[in-house]
Structures are given as C-alpha cells and as structure tokens.
C-alpha atoms as a PDB file:
ATOM      1  CA  MET A   1      81.180  60.577  91.528  1.00  0.00           C
ATOM      2  CA  ARG A   2      82.152  62.007  94.901  1.00  0.00           C
ATOM      3  CA  THR A   3      80.545  61.233  98.220  1.00  0.00           C
ATOM      4  CA  PRO A   4      79.640  63.668 100.994  1.00  0.00           C
ATOM      5  CA  LEU A   5      82.451  62.036 102.967  1.00  0.00           C
ATOM      6  CA  SER A   6      85.034  63.012 100.343  1.00  0.00           C
ATOM      7  CA  TYR A   7      83.794  66.624 100.275  1.00  0.00           C
ATOM      8  CA  ALA A   8      83.889  66.826 104.085  1.00  0.00           C
ATOM      9  CA  ALA A   9      87.396  65.335 104.131  1.00  0.00           C
ATOM     10  CA  GLU A  10      88.637  67.760 101.474  1.00  0.00           C
ATOM     11  CA  SER A  11      87.190  70.734 103.348  1.00  0.00           C
ATOM     12  CA  GLY A  12      88.525  69.691 106.743  1.00  0.00           C
ATOM     13  CA  LEU A  13      85.075  69.353 108.283  1.00  0.00           C
ATOM     14  CA  HIS A  14      86.342  66.851 110.841  1.00  0.00           C
ATOM     15  CA  LYS A  15      83.052  66.578 112.755  1.00  0.00           C
ATOM     16  CA  ALA A  16      81.250  65.691 109.530  1.00  0.00           C
ATOM     17  CA  VAL A  17      84.033  63.246 108.625  1.00  0.00           C
ATOM     18  CA  LYS A  18      83.692  61.597 112.016  1.00  0.00           C
ATOM     19  CA  ALA A  19      79.927  61.255 111.547  1.00  0.00           C
ATOM     20  CA  LEU A  20      80.160  60.012 107.940  1.00  0.00           C
ATOM     21  CA  ALA A  21      83.141  57.681 108.342  1.00  0.00           C
ATOM     22  CA  ASP A  22      80.930  54.878 109.610  1.00  0.00           C
ATOM     23  CA  PRO A  23      81.314  51.980 107.125  1.00  0.00           C
ATOM     24  CA  LYS A  24      77.522  51.514 107.234  1.00  0.00           C
ATOM     25  CA  THR A  25      77.073  55.052 105.900  1.00  0.00           C
ATOM     26  CA  PHE A  26      79.749  55.437 103.213  1.00  0.00           C
ATOM     27  CA  ASP A  27      82.545  53.316 101.835  1.00  0.00           C
ATOM     28  CA  SER A  28      85.628  55.293 102.857  1.00  0.00           C
ATOM     29  CA  ASN A  29      87.561  53.798  99.952  1.00  0.00           C
ATOM     30  CA  THR A  30      85.235  55.093  97.248  1.00  0.00           C
ATOM     31  CA  SER A  31      87.362  57.175  94.918  1.00  0.00           C
ATOM     32  CA  SER A  32      86.345  60.049  92.714  1.00  0.00           C
ATOM     33  CA  ILE A  33      85.951  59.249  89.042  1.00  0.00           C
ATOM     34  CA  LYS A  34      87.969  62.241  87.864  1.00  0.00           C
ATOM     35  CA  ASP A  35      91.186  61.746  89.824  1.00  0.00           C
ATOM     36  CA  ARG A  36      90.619  58.471  91.753  1.00  0.00           C
ATOM     37  CA  LYS A  37      91.247  60.104  95.144  1.00  0.00           C
ATOM     38  CA  THR A  38      89.738  58.621  98.283  1.00  0.00           C
ATOM     39  CA  PRO A  39      88.450  60.699 101.213  1.00  0.00           C
ATOM     40  CA  LEU A  40      91.706  59.948 103.055  1.00  0.00           C
ATOM     41  CA  MET A  41      93.683  61.326 100.113  1.00  0.00           C
ATOM     42  CA  PHE A  42      91.590  64.513 100.057  1.00  0.00           C
ATOM     43  CA  ALA A  43      92.049  65.066 103.801  1.00  0.00           C
ATOM     44  CA  ALA A  44      95.761  64.255 103.784  1.00  0.00           C
ATOM     45  CA  GLY A  45      96.525  66.291 100.681  1.00  0.00           C
ATOM     46  CA  ASN A  46      94.905  69.359 102.201  1.00  0.00           C
ATOM     47  CA  GLY A  47      96.621  69.019 105.570  1.00  0.00           C
ATOM     48  CA  HIS A  48      93.489  68.164 107.563  1.00  0.00           C
ATOM     49  CA  ALA A  49      95.047  66.092 110.339  1.00  0.00           C
ATOM     50  CA  LEU A  50      91.862  65.666 112.406  1.00  0.00           C
ATOM     51  CA  SER A  51      89.961  64.366 109.402  1.00  0.00           C
ATOM     52  CA  VAL A  52      92.841  61.975 108.653  1.00  0.00           C
ATOM     53  CA  ARG A  53      92.727  60.735 112.243  1.00  0.00           C
ATOM     54  CA  HIS A  54      88.956  60.175 112.148  1.00  0.00           C
ATOM     55  CA  LEU A  55      89.203  58.264 108.873  1.00  0.00           C
ATOM     56  CA  LEU A  56      92.004  56.073 110.179  1.00  0.00           C
ATOM     57  CA  GLN A  57      90.176  55.340 113.442  1.00  0.00           C
ATOM     58  CA  SER A  58      86.642  54.941 112.134  1.00  0.00           C
ATOM     59  CA  SER A  59      87.042  53.140 108.853  1.00  0.00           C
ATOM     60  CA  LYS A  60      88.911  50.409 107.148  1.00  0.00           C
ATOM     61  CA  VAL A  61      90.748  52.699 104.766  1.00  0.00           C
ATOM     62  CA  ASN A  62      93.026  51.358 102.084  1.00  0.00           C
ATOM     63  CA  LEU A  63      96.385  53.038 102.700  1.00  0.00           C
ATOM     64  CA  HIS A  64      97.752  51.545  99.490  1.00  0.00           C
ATOM     65  CA  ALA A  65      95.182  53.086  97.145  1.00  0.00           C
ATOM     66  CA  VAL A  66      96.687  55.407  94.537  1.00  0.00           C
ATOM     67  CA  ASP A  67      95.216  58.303  92.585  1.00  0.00           C
ATOM     68  CA  LYS A  68      95.453  58.807  88.816  1.00  0.00           C
ATOM     69  CA  ASP A  69      98.988  60.172  89.234  1.00  0.00           C
ATOM     70  CA  GLY A  70     100.203  57.199  91.301  1.00  0.00           C
ATOM     71  CA  ASN A  71     100.192  59.036  94.664  1.00  0.00           C
ATOM     72  CA  ASN A  72      98.974  57.382  97.836  1.00  0.00           C
ATOM     73  CA  ALA A  73      97.643  59.190 100.928  1.00  0.00           C
ATOM     74  CA  LEU A  74     101.054  59.315 102.606  1.00  0.00           C
ATOM     75  CA  MET A  75     102.631  61.003  99.570  1.00  0.00           C
ATOM     76  CA  LEU A  76      99.783  63.521  99.410  1.00  0.00           C
ATOM     77  CA  ALA A  77     100.063  64.182 103.153  1.00  0.00           C
ATOM     78  CA  ALA A  78     103.759  64.959 102.864  1.00  0.00           C
ATOM     79  CA  ALA A  79     103.169  67.249  99.888  1.00  0.00           C
ATOM     80  CA  GLY A  80     100.076  68.882 101.401  1.00  0.00           C
ATOM     81  CA  GLY A  81     101.570  69.865 104.727  1.00  0.00           C
ATOM     82  CA  CYS A  82      99.724  67.379 106.905  1.00  0.00           C
ATOM     83  CA  SER A  83     101.090  67.280 110.443  1.00  0.00           C
ATOM     84  CA  ILE A  84     103.793  64.773 111.278  1.00  0.00           C
ATOM     85  CA  THR A  85     101.421  63.170 113.805  1.00  0.00           C
ATOM     86  CA  ALA A  86      98.879  62.405 111.097  1.00  0.00           C
ATOM     87  CA  VAL A  87     101.605  61.121 108.789  1.00  0.00           C
ATOM     88  CA  GLU A  88     102.950  58.868 111.527  1.00  0.00           C
ATOM     89  CA  GLN A  89      99.482  57.357 112.016  1.00  0.00           C
ATOM     90  CA  MET A  90      99.477  56.222 108.405  1.00  0.00           C
END
C-alpha cells in the first residue's frame, strides 16, 4: 500500500510533501508493498530535491532503509539525478 505522501514525493509535489510530512499525519518511513520504497526513496530517485529537503527537515526518516533491490535513498538519489545539495543533506 502506498500513502499520499509517497505519491506526492514521487511526483515532486514539494508543497504537498511539506504538508504531509508531519509525523502526526503519515509515517514517512512507510514503504510500498511492491518495492519497499519509502517516500524519501521516491523523491530522491526521481531527482526531487525540494521534496527530499522537506522530508529530511520535517520527519524522522530512516536513511538506512533499503528497497527490494537493496538500494537506500542515497543510492537512488545518485542514480536518479538528485542535486548534490540534496545528496549532501542525506
């Protein structure tokens, strides 16, 4: 199951990510059933630096979580063209 936060992160809707990243609203570490990606992984893998920043600032994200292929958010960010600034924040 995916959350609205993961869809917003994947799509780069950084204002929605900022609004939804409140831990009282959604658990930012909830991963999708299909590929076990977290919202941070979706944002990083698609190069959405602002969404990455909001997730890192607003939530207690697990930077060590890995998807079904063993990739963490930093690996996906590097492969997905996320800005160096966003990568450095991780």
